[in-house]
Amino acid sequence: MAEVLQCPVPEFVGEPGSLGDLAGRHIFAGLWDRPGLSRRERRLVTLAVLAVFGQERLHAPLHIKAALDSGDLTEAELRETAVQIAYYAGWPLATSFDAAVDTATGHRSGYDQVSALATGPARSATPGTDKEEQR
């Protein structure tokens, strides 16, 4: 797990039978070591799946950082992955993935401004208000 994620294994992973223990044994010690795909290829598949399932808050940034720290993928390759995701899975998922790349790299490409717009209070238009005021 530490090798794949490029970070220390959290303490909770060692508790026998815990979700972390199962992930450590079955995903990281089993799946990631299988022959057939390289670690880089597994990273691309994993990142695409995480993006399609909208996992940009926790898992995608963790795997993005691991891909960068391991040297398996560059930031440019991750950005191009977002473009590929946009065409096959949709723009909202792709922009969320691209924003997760921002989170992992510390770069700001403007998604933080979009997030602020989305979470701020909505301005409600009052019926009968002058159209110029609404613009």
C-alpha atoms as a PDB file:
ATOM      1  CA  MET A   1       0.000   0.000   0.000  1.00  0.00           C
ATOM      2  CA  ALA A   2       2.792   2.416   0.894  1.00  0.00           C
ATOM      3  CA  GLU A   3       4.557   1.661  -2.395  1.00  0.00           C
ATOM      4  CA  VAL A   4       1.449   2.149  -4.542  1.00  0.00           C
ATOM      5  CA  LEU A   5       0.189   5.262  -2.738  1.00  0.00           C
ATOM      6  CA  GLN A   6       3.674   6.695  -2.133  1.00  0.00           C
ATOM      7  CA  CYS A   7       2.876   7.562   1.479  1.00  0.00           C
ATOM      8  CA  PRO A   8       2.993   5.978   4.937  1.00  0.00           C
ATOM      9  CA  VAL A   9       0.274   3.433   5.621  1.00  0.00           C
ATOM     10  CA  PRO A  10      -2.328   4.852   8.025  1.00  0.00           C
ATOM     11  CA  GLU A  11      -2.507   3.148  11.430  1.00  0.00           C
ATOM     12  CA  PHE A  12      -6.115   1.986  10.987  1.00  0.00           C
ATOM     13  CA  VAL A  13      -5.036  -0.240   8.090  1.00  0.00           C
ATOM     14  CA  GLY A  14      -3.376  -2.673  10.500  1.00  0.00           C
ATOM     15  CA  GLU A  15      -6.556  -3.532  12.416  1.00  0.00           C
ATOM     16  CA  PRO A  16      -7.376  -7.120  11.345  1.00  0.00           C
ATOM     17  CA  GLY A  17     -10.646  -7.366   9.456  1.00  0.00           C
ATOM     18  CA  SER A  18     -11.034  -3.594   9.065  1.00  0.00           C
ATOM     19  CA  LEU A  19     -11.814  -2.046   5.716  1.00  0.00           C
ATOM     20  CA  GLY A  20      -8.258  -0.707   5.636  1.00  0.00           C
ATOM     21  CA  ASP A  21      -6.832  -4.151   6.356  1.00  0.00           C
ATOM     22  CA  LEU A  22      -8.901  -5.693   3.568  1.00  0.00           C
ATOM     23  CA  ALA A  23      -7.862  -2.946   1.149  1.00  0.00           C
ATOM     24  CA  GLY A  24      -4.220  -3.432   2.082  1.00  0.00           C
ATOM     25  CA  ARG A  25      -4.318  -7.188   1.584  1.00  0.00           C
ATOM     26  CA  HIS A  26      -6.633  -7.516  -1.397  1.00  0.00           C
ATOM     27  CA  ILE A  27      -6.212  -4.321  -3.388  1.00  0.00           C
ATOM     28  CA  PHE A  28      -2.661  -3.208  -2.754  1.00  0.00           C
ATOM     29  CA  ALA A  29      -0.960  -6.535  -2.049  1.00  0.00           C
ATOM     30  CA  GLY A  30      -3.048  -8.457  -4.583  1.00  0.00           C
ATOM     31  CA  LEU A  31      -4.576  -6.448  -7.404  1.00  0.00           C
ATOM     32  CA  TRP A  32      -1.721  -3.979  -7.890  1.00  0.00           C
ATOM     33  CA  ASP A  33       0.858  -6.807  -8.091  1.00  0.00           C
ATOM     34  CA  ARG A  34      -0.986  -8.862 -10.710  1.00  0.00           C
ATOM     35  CA  PRO A  35       0.759  -9.452 -14.035  1.00  0.00           C
ATOM     36  CA  GLY A  36      -0.863  -8.186 -17.204  1.00  0.00           C
ATOM     37  CA  LEU A  37      -0.819  -4.433 -16.641  1.00  0.00           C
ATOM     38  CA  SER A  38       2.058  -2.229 -15.590  1.00  0.00           C
ATOM     39  CA  ARG A  39       1.714  -0.059 -12.508  1.00  0.00           C
ATOM     40  CA  ARG A  40       1.408   2.985 -14.799  1.00  0.00           C
ATOM     41  CA  GLU A  41      -1.430   1.349 -16.740  1.00  0.00           C
ATOM     42  CA  ARG A  42      -3.178   0.408 -13.495  1.00  0.00           C
ATOM     43  CA  ARG A  43      -2.874   4.022 -12.346  1.00  0.00           C
ATOM     44  CA  LEU A  44      -4.533   5.290 -15.545  1.00  0.00           C
ATOM     45  CA  VAL A  45      -7.393   2.793 -15.241  1.00  0.00           C
ATOM     46  CA  THR A  46      -7.837   3.566 -11.539  1.00  0.00           C
ATOM     47  CA  LEU A  47      -7.837   7.324 -12.113  1.00  0.00           C
ATOM     48  CA  ALA A  48     -10.352   7.062 -14.944  1.00  0.00           C
ATOM     49  CA  VAL A  49     -12.692   4.942 -12.822  1.00  0.00           C
ATOM     50  CA  LEU A  50     -12.355   7.285  -9.833  1.00  0.00           C
ATOM     51  CA  ALA A  51     -13.136  10.235 -12.111  1.00  0.00           C
ATOM     52  CA  VAL A  52     -16.189   8.564 -13.622  1.00  0.00           C
ATOM     53  CA  PHE A  53     -17.536   7.756 -10.172  1.00  0.00           C
ATOM     54  CA  GLY A  54     -16.905  11.330  -8.996  1.00  0.00           C
ATOM     55  CA  GLN A  55     -14.340  10.462  -6.341  1.00  0.00           C
ATOM     56  CA  GLU A  56     -12.497  13.781  -6.570  1.00  0.00           C
ATOM     57  CA  ARG A  57     -12.629  14.601  -2.850  1.00  0.00           C
ATOM     58  CA  LEU A  58     -10.482  11.828  -1.361  1.00  0.00           C
ATOM     59  CA  HIS A  59      -9.449   8.934  -3.547  1.00  0.00           C
ATOM     60  CA  ALA A  60      -8.655  10.710  -6.824  1.00  0.00           C
ATOM     61  CA  PRO A  61      -6.302  13.292  -5.252  1.00  0.00           C
ATOM     62  CA  LEU A  62      -4.588  10.503  -3.288  1.00  0.00           C
ATOM     63  CA  HIS A  63      -4.013   8.453  -6.444  1.00  0.00           C
ATOM     64  CA  ILE A  64      -3.092  11.537  -8.498  1.00  0.00           C
ATOM     65  CA  LYS A  65      -0.436  12.473  -5.943  1.00  0.00           C
ATOM     66  CA  ALA A  66       0.842   8.880  -5.926  1.00  0.00           C
ATOM     67  CA  ALA A  67       1.041   8.876  -9.735  1.00  0.00           C
ATOM     68  CA  LEU A  68       3.063  12.101  -9.661  1.00  0.00           C
ATOM     69  CA  ASP A  69       5.280  11.112  -6.714  1.00  0.00           C
ATOM     70  CA  SER A  70       6.088   7.723  -8.250  1.00  0.00           C
ATOM     71  CA  GLY A  71       6.924   9.280 -11.610  1.00  0.00           C
ATOM     72  CA  ASP A  72       4.359   7.043 -13.318  1.00  0.00           C
ATOM     73  CA  LEU A  73       2.466  10.044 -14.736  1.00  0.00           C
ATOM     74  CA  THR A  74       3.261  13.693 -15.316  1.00  0.00           C
ATOM     75  CA  GLU A  75       0.924  16.584 -14.639  1.00  0.00           C
ATOM     76  CA  ALA A  76       0.564  17.051 -18.414  1.00  0.00           C
ATOM     77  CA  GLU A  77      -0.530  13.407 -18.760  1.00  0.00           C
ATOM     78  CA  LEU A  78      -3.050  13.846 -15.951  1.00  0.00           C
ATOM     79  CA  ARG A  79      -4.459  16.965 -17.633  1.00  0.00           C
ATOM     80  CA  GLU A  80      -4.745  15.031 -20.905  1.00  0.00           C
ATOM     81  CA  THR A  81      -6.510  12.246 -18.993  1.00  0.00           C
ATOM     82  CA  ALA A  82      -9.092  14.871 -17.968  1.00  0.00           C
ATOM     83  CA  VAL A  83      -9.608  15.768 -21.631  1.00  0.00           C
ATOM     84  CA  GLN A  84     -10.151  12.102 -22.513  1.00  0.00           C
ATOM     85  CA  ILE A  85     -12.607  11.740 -19.635  1.00  0.00           C
ATOM     86  CA  ALA A  86     -14.512  14.824 -20.850  1.00  0.00           C
ATOM     87  CA  TYR A  87     -15.299  13.248 -24.194  1.00  0.00           C
ATOM     88  CA  TYR A  88     -16.137   9.775 -22.930  1.00  0.00           C
ATOM     89  CA  ALA A  89     -17.719  10.477 -19.527  1.00  0.00           C
ATOM     90  CA  GLY A  90     -18.734  14.124 -19.611  1.00  0.00           C
ATOM     91  CA  TRP A  91     -17.464  17.588 -18.831  1.00  0.00           C
ATOM     92  CA  PRO A  92     -18.622  17.805 -15.193  1.00  0.00           C
ATOM     93  CA  LEU A  93     -16.693  14.659 -14.250  1.00  0.00           C
ATOM     94  CA  ALA A  94     -13.659  15.778 -16.232  1.00  0.00           C
ATOM     95  CA  THR A  95     -13.557  19.240 -14.663  1.00  0.00           C
ATOM     96  CA  SER A  96     -13.917  17.684 -11.219  1.00  0.00           C
ATOM     97  CA  PHE A  97     -10.979  15.381 -12.032  1.00  0.00           C
ATOM     98  CA  ASP A  98      -8.952  18.321 -13.350  1.00  0.00           C
ATOM     99  CA  ALA A  99      -9.720  20.208 -10.132  1.00  0.00           C
ATOM    100  CA  ALA A 100      -8.499  17.145  -8.190  1.00  0.00           C
ATOM    101  CA  VAL A 101      -5.231  17.449 -10.148  1.00  0.00           C
ATOM    102  CA  ASP A 102      -5.103  21.060  -8.913  1.00  0.00           C
ATOM    103  CA  THR A 103      -5.590  19.809  -5.347  1.00  0.00           C
ATOM    104  CA  ALA A 104      -2.824  17.235  -5.669  1.00  0.00           C
ATOM    105  CA  THR A 105      -0.341  19.573  -7.363  1.00  0.00           C
ATOM    106  CA  GLY A 106      -1.180  22.767  -5.478  1.00  0.00           C
ATOM    107  CA  HIS A 107      -1.861  24.559  -8.760  1.00  0.00           C
ATOM    108  CA  ARG A 108      -4.881  26.750  -9.198  1.00  0.00           C
ATOM    109  CA  SER A 109      -6.485  26.791 -12.619  1.00  0.00           C
ATOM    110  CA  GLY A 110      -9.637  28.668 -11.676  1.00  0.00           C
ATOM    111  CA  TYR A 111     -11.767  25.813 -10.364  1.00  0.00           C
ATOM    112  CA  ASP A 112     -11.546  27.322  -6.881  1.00  0.00           C
ATOM    113  CA  GLN A 113     -13.375  30.375  -8.269  1.00  0.00           C
ATOM    114  CA  VAL A 114     -16.066  28.145  -9.795  1.00  0.00           C
ATOM    115  CA  SER A 115     -16.406  26.313  -6.495  1.00  0.00           C
ATOM    116  CA  ALA A 116     -16.900  29.608  -4.668  1.00  0.00           C
ATOM    117  CA  LEU A 117     -19.613  30.573  -7.137  1.00  0.00           C
ATOM    118  CA  ALA A 118     -21.344  27.225  -6.691  1.00  0.00           C
ATOM    119  CA  THR A 119     -21.320  27.313  -2.892  1.00  0.00           C
ATOM    120  CA  GLY A 120     -22.171  30.986  -2.339  1.00  0.00           C
ATOM    121  CA  PRO A 121     -25.711  32.222  -1.779  1.00  0.00           C
ATOM    122  CA  ALA A 122     -27.908  32.328  -4.865  1.00  0.00           C
ATOM    123  CA  ARG A 123     -29.287  35.601  -6.083  1.00  0.00           C
ATOM    124  CA  SER A 124     -32.984  35.149  -6.682  1.00  0.00           C
ATOM    125  CA  ALA A 125     -34.658  37.190  -9.355  1.00  0.00           C
ATOM    126  CA  THR A 126     -37.844  38.819  -8.224  1.00  0.00           C
ATOM    127  CA  PRO A 127     -40.680  38.553 -10.773  1.00  0.00           C
ATOM    128  CA  GLY A 128     -41.290  41.859 -12.468  1.00  0.00           C
ATOM    129  CA  THR A 129     -37.743  43.155 -11.811  1.00  0.00           C
ATOM    130  CA  ASP A 130     -36.210  45.174 -14.602  1.00  0.00           C
ATOM    131  CA  LYS A 131     -34.231  42.923 -16.958  1.00  0.00           C
ATOM    132  CA  GLU A 132     -31.234  45.278 -16.835  1.00  0.00           C
ATOM    133  CA  GLU A 133     -30.983  44.799 -13.059  1.00  0.00           C
ATOM    134  CA  GLN A 134     -30.965  41.012 -13.497  1.00  0.00           C
ATOM    135  CA  ARG A 135     -27.926  41.115 -15.798  1.00  0.00           C
END
